[in-house]
C-alpha atoms as a PDB file:
ATOM      1  CA  MET A   1       7.625  10.261 -17.646  1.00  0.00           C
ATOM      2  CA  ILE A   2      10.368   8.923 -15.376  1.00  0.00           C
ATOM      3  CA  GLN A   3      10.309  10.561 -11.963  1.00  0.00           C
ATOM      4  CA  ILE A   4      13.799  11.222 -10.558  1.00  0.00           C
ATOM      5  CA  ARG A   5      13.824  13.137  -7.311  1.00  0.00           C
ATOM      6  CA  PRO A   6      16.303  13.974  -4.549  1.00  0.00           C
ATOM      7  CA  VAL A   7      15.849  11.797  -1.485  1.00  0.00           C
ATOM      8  CA  SER A   8      14.896  14.915   0.513  1.00  0.00           C
ATOM      9  CA  ASP A   9      11.628  14.990  -1.490  1.00  0.00           C
ATOM     10  CA  LEU A  10      10.592  11.806   0.285  1.00  0.00           C
ATOM     11  CA  ARG A  11      10.384  13.811   3.497  1.00  0.00           C
ATOM     12  CA  ASN A  12       9.470  17.221   2.130  1.00  0.00           C
ATOM     13  CA  LYS A  13       7.022  16.237  -0.614  1.00  0.00           C
ATOM     14  CA  PHE A  14       5.707  12.881   0.557  1.00  0.00           C
ATOM     15  CA  PRO A  15       2.078  13.415  -0.617  1.00  0.00           C
ATOM     16  CA  GLU A  16       3.313  14.206  -4.129  1.00  0.00           C
ATOM     17  CA  ILE A  17       5.513  11.103  -4.252  1.00  0.00           C
ATOM     18  CA  GLU A  18       2.714   9.001  -2.765  1.00  0.00           C
ATOM     19  CA  THR A  19       0.366  10.117  -5.556  1.00  0.00           C
ATOM     20  CA  ILE A  20       2.907   9.168  -8.226  1.00  0.00           C
ATOM     21  CA  VAL A  21       3.557   5.681  -6.838  1.00  0.00           C
ATOM     22  CA  ASN A  22      -0.139   5.061  -6.203  1.00  0.00           C
ATOM     23  CA  ASN A  23      -0.662   5.738  -9.922  1.00  0.00           C
ATOM     24  CA  GLY A  24       1.637   2.793 -10.646  1.00  0.00           C
ATOM     25  CA  GLU A  25       4.838   4.692 -11.445  1.00  0.00           C
ATOM     26  CA  PRO A  26       8.108   4.234  -9.581  1.00  0.00           C
ATOM     27  CA  VAL A  27       9.992   7.221  -8.177  1.00  0.00           C
ATOM     28  CA  TYR A  28      13.773   7.066  -8.426  1.00  0.00           C
ATOM     29  CA  LEU A  29      15.496   8.833  -5.542  1.00  0.00           C
ATOM     30  CA  THR A  30      18.987  10.297  -5.680  1.00  0.00           C
ATOM     31  CA  LYS A  31      21.427  11.270  -2.967  1.00  0.00           C
ATOM     32  CA  ASN A  32      24.196  13.705  -3.851  1.00  0.00           C
ATOM     33  CA  GLY A  33      23.345  13.243  -7.518  1.00  0.00           C
ATOM     34  CA  TYR A  34      23.639   9.442  -7.506  1.00  0.00           C
ATOM     35  CA  GLY A  35      20.901   6.829  -7.589  1.00  0.00           C
ATOM     36  CA  ALA A  36      19.989   5.740  -4.066  1.00  0.00           C
ATOM     37  CA  MET A  37      16.674   3.865  -4.180  1.00  0.00           C
ATOM     38  CA  VAL A  38      13.354   3.340  -5.886  1.00  0.00           C
ATOM     39  CA  VAL A  39       9.966   3.860  -4.256  1.00  0.00           C
ATOM     40  CA  LEU A  40       7.132   1.605  -5.454  1.00  0.00           C
ATOM     41  CA  SER A  41       3.563   1.053  -4.363  1.00  0.00           C
ATOM     42  CA  LEU A  42       2.882  -2.168  -2.514  1.00  0.00           C
ATOM     43  CA  GLU A  43       0.919  -3.420  -5.520  1.00  0.00           C
ATOM     44  CA  GLU A  44       3.796  -2.781  -7.937  1.00  0.00           C
ATOM     45  CA  TYR A  45       6.278  -4.426  -5.586  1.00  0.00           C
ATOM     46  CA  ALA A  46       4.008  -7.455  -5.213  1.00  0.00           C
ATOM     47  CA  SER A  47       3.638  -7.765  -8.981  1.00  0.00           C
ATOM     48  CA  LEU A  48       7.434  -7.934  -9.264  1.00  0.00           C
ATOM     49  CA  THR A  49       7.947 -10.465  -6.472  1.00  0.00           C
ATOM     50  CA  ASP A  50       4.873 -12.738  -6.486  1.00  0.00           C
ATOM     51  CA  SER A  51       6.133 -15.023  -9.240  1.00  0.00           C
ATOM     52  CA  ILE A  52       9.495 -15.363  -7.499  1.00  0.00           C
ATOM     53  CA  GLU A  53       7.771 -16.294  -4.239  1.00  0.00           C
ATOM     54  CA  MET A  54       5.683 -18.922  -6.047  1.00  0.00           C
ATOM     55  CA  LYS A  55       8.802 -20.422  -7.650  1.00  0.00           C
ATOM     56  CA  LEU A  56      10.596 -20.532  -4.301  1.00  0.00           C
ATOM     57  CA  ASP A  57       7.585 -22.255  -2.736  1.00  0.00           C
ATOM     58  CA  GLU A  58       7.612 -24.814  -5.566  1.00  0.00           C
ATOM     59  CA  ALA A  59      11.359 -25.370  -5.053  1.00  0.00           C
ATOM     60  CA  ASP A  60      10.717 -26.003  -1.350  1.00  0.00           C
ATOM     61  CA  ARG A  61       8.003 -28.536  -2.215  1.00  0.00           C
ATOM     62  CA  GLN A  62      10.303 -30.308  -4.675  1.00  0.00           C
ATOM     63  CA  ALA A  63      13.130 -30.384  -2.138  1.00  0.00           C
ATOM     64  CA  SER A  64      10.847 -31.962   0.454  1.00  0.00           C
ATOM     65  CA  ILE A  65      10.019 -34.909  -1.833  1.00  0.00           C
ATOM     66  CA  SER A  66      13.399 -35.426  -3.495  1.00  0.00           C
ATOM     67  CA  GLU A  67      16.847 -36.357  -2.271  1.00  0.00           C
ATOM     68  CA  GLU A  68      18.481 -34.587  -5.229  1.00  0.00           C
ATOM     69  CA  ARG A  69      20.466 -31.491  -4.273  1.00  0.00           C
ATOM     70  CA  LEU A  70      22.150 -29.099  -6.684  1.00  0.00           C
ATOM     71  CA  SER A  71      25.324 -27.156  -6.037  1.00  0.00           C
ATOM     72  CA  HIS A  72      25.107 -23.393  -6.078  1.00  0.00           C
ATOM     73  CA  GLU A  73      27.263 -23.420  -9.235  1.00  0.00           C
ATOM     74  CA  THR A  74      24.658 -25.551 -11.017  1.00  0.00           C
ATOM     75  CA  VAL A  75      21.767 -23.438  -9.794  1.00  0.00           C
ATOM     76  CA  PHE A  76      23.378 -20.161 -10.873  1.00  0.00           C
ATOM     77  CA  ARG A  77      24.509 -21.594 -14.227  1.00  0.00           C
ATOM     78  CA  ASN A  78      20.923 -22.699 -14.891  1.00  0.00           C
ATOM     79  CA  ALA A  79      19.549 -19.320 -13.767  1.00  0.00           C
ATOM     80  CA  ARG A  80      21.986 -17.417 -15.974  1.00  0.00           C
ATOM     81  CA  GLY A  81      21.064 -19.657 -18.885  1.00  0.00           C
ATOM     82  CA  ALA A  82      17.369 -18.962 -18.339  1.00  0.00           C
ATOM     83  CA  VAL A  83      17.958 -15.213 -18.112  1.00  0.00           C
ATOM     84  CA  HIS A  84      20.152 -15.129 -21.209  1.00  0.00           C
ATOM     85  CA  GLY A  85      18.021 -17.581 -23.193  1.00  0.00           C
ATOM     86  CA  LYS A  86      20.580 -20.391 -23.343  1.00  0.00           C
END
């Protein structure tokens, strides 16, 4: 079940939120009824970002051995194409 809590719960009910995120579920925090942030365990955060870090490391390696440079327009066009399956 999706956990949506007021941001005050982060302070007032930290052990409860900690238990939820340590079980692998995110907790969505709201402020004044609007989404403010998401709390994740370190493991969940790492699982979301590790592949990006590896791809950035590979891009750095490629850049160090190649003179080719792409404009930001080309990079973002390629990224959008990959995201949208084009």
